[in-house]
Amino acid sequence: AIEALAEKWPDETTRELLTQRAVQDDHEDPRRAAIEALAEKWPDETTCELLTQRAVDSSLTDEQRHEHSAALGRLRSDFDRIVLT
């Protein structure tokens, strides 16, 4: 559902919903789908800031920080993606 929303309705309301899911969803799959959709559809400074903050947030699990770091790496460059991997 998250992927379909981002693909069919890439507006500000969808972005807000995806941002909420990326930071508040307890389940890995919807959280990861939201992160990936944000990085793909809204690759701007706001998304970069969100991903950067979440990548270093010590209150998150290692897995959650990695999800955000990996998405940030995909936004930045091939080199960042290789380093993070």
Protein backbone atom coordinates (compact mmCIF):
# COMPACT_ATOMS: atom_id res chain seq x y z
CA ALA A 1 0.00 0.00 0.00
CA ILE A 2 2.84 2.38 0.81
CA GLU A 3 4.50 1.78 -2.55
CA ALA A 4 1.20 2.33 -4.39
CA LEU A 5 0.55 5.59 -2.54
CA ALA A 6 3.98 6.94 -3.39
CA GLU A 7 3.66 5.88 -7.02
CA LYS A 8 0.08 7.04 -7.69
CA TRP A 9 -0.28 10.02 -5.32
CA PRO A 10 3.12 11.68 -4.86
CA ASP A 11 1.76 14.78 -3.14
CA GLU A 12 2.54 16.49 0.17
CA THR A 13 -0.11 14.53 2.08
CA THR A 14 1.43 11.25 0.95
CA ARG A 15 4.88 12.52 1.87
CA GLU A 16 3.68 13.37 5.38
CA LEU A 17 2.13 9.91 5.77
CA LEU A 18 5.30 8.22 4.56
CA THR A 19 7.41 10.30 6.90
CA GLN A 20 5.22 9.20 9.81
CA ARG A 21 5.50 5.54 8.79
CA ALA A 22 9.27 5.85 8.35
CA VAL A 23 9.73 7.04 11.92
CA GLN A 24 6.77 5.59 13.84
CA ASP A 25 5.93 2.18 12.36
CA ASP A 26 6.97 -0.68 14.64
CA HIS A 27 7.05 -3.16 11.77
CA GLU A 28 10.09 -3.46 9.55
CA ASP A 29 8.43 -3.90 6.14
CA PRO A 30 6.19 -0.79 6.11
CA ARG A 31 8.95 1.27 7.73
CA ARG A 32 11.46 0.20 5.09
CA ALA A 33 8.95 0.74 2.25
CA ALA A 34 8.26 4.26 3.52
CA ILE A 35 11.96 5.08 3.79
CA GLU A 36 12.64 3.80 0.28
CA ALA A 37 9.65 5.66 -1.17
CA LEU A 38 10.75 8.92 0.46
CA ALA A 39 14.26 8.52 -0.90
CA GLU A 40 12.99 7.73 -4.38
CA LYS A 41 10.13 10.22 -4.76
CA TRP A 42 11.35 13.09 -2.54
CA PRO A 43 15.17 13.09 -2.78
CA ASP A 44 15.52 16.60 -1.39
CA GLU A 45 17.21 18.22 1.58
CA THR A 46 14.25 17.54 3.90
CA THR A 47 14.48 13.82 3.24
CA CYS A 48 18.27 13.90 3.60
CA GLU A 49 17.97 15.65 6.96
CA LEU A 50 15.40 13.12 8.21
CA LEU A 51 17.51 10.17 7.12
CA THR A 52 20.68 11.69 8.59
CA GLN A 53 19.04 12.36 11.96
CA ARG A 54 17.60 8.87 12.11
CA ALA A 55 20.87 7.23 11.02
CA VAL A 56 22.63 8.53 14.13
CA ASP A 57 19.74 8.37 16.61
CA SER A 58 21.00 6.25 19.51
CA SER A 59 17.46 5.47 20.65
CA LEU A 60 16.91 3.36 17.52
CA THR A 61 18.02 -0.21 16.99
CA ASP A 62 21.09 -0.93 14.87
CA GLU A 63 18.78 -2.29 12.17
CA GLN A 64 16.68 0.88 12.11
CA ARG A 65 19.75 3.10 11.93
CA HIS A 66 21.10 0.96 9.12
CA GLU A 67 17.83 1.29 7.14
CA HIS A 68 18.12 5.06 7.30
CA SER A 69 21.84 5.06 6.56
CA ALA A 70 21.39 2.84 3.53
CA ALA A 71 18.60 5.04 2.13
CA LEU A 72 20.75 8.11 2.71
CA GLY A 73 23.63 6.45 0.91
CA ARG A 74 21.42 5.75 -2.11
CA LEU A 75 20.49 9.43 -2.21
CA ARG A 76 24.03 10.73 -1.96
CA SER A 77 26.12 8.69 -4.37
CA ASP A 78 27.30 5.28 -5.44
CA PHE A 79 30.41 5.72 -3.27
CA ASP A 80 28.34 6.34 -0.11
CA ARG A 81 26.21 3.30 -0.87
CA ILE A 82 29.32 1.13 -1.26
CA VAL A 83 30.86 2.44 1.97
CA LEU A 84 27.67 1.88 3.97
CA THR A 85 27.31 -1.63 2.59
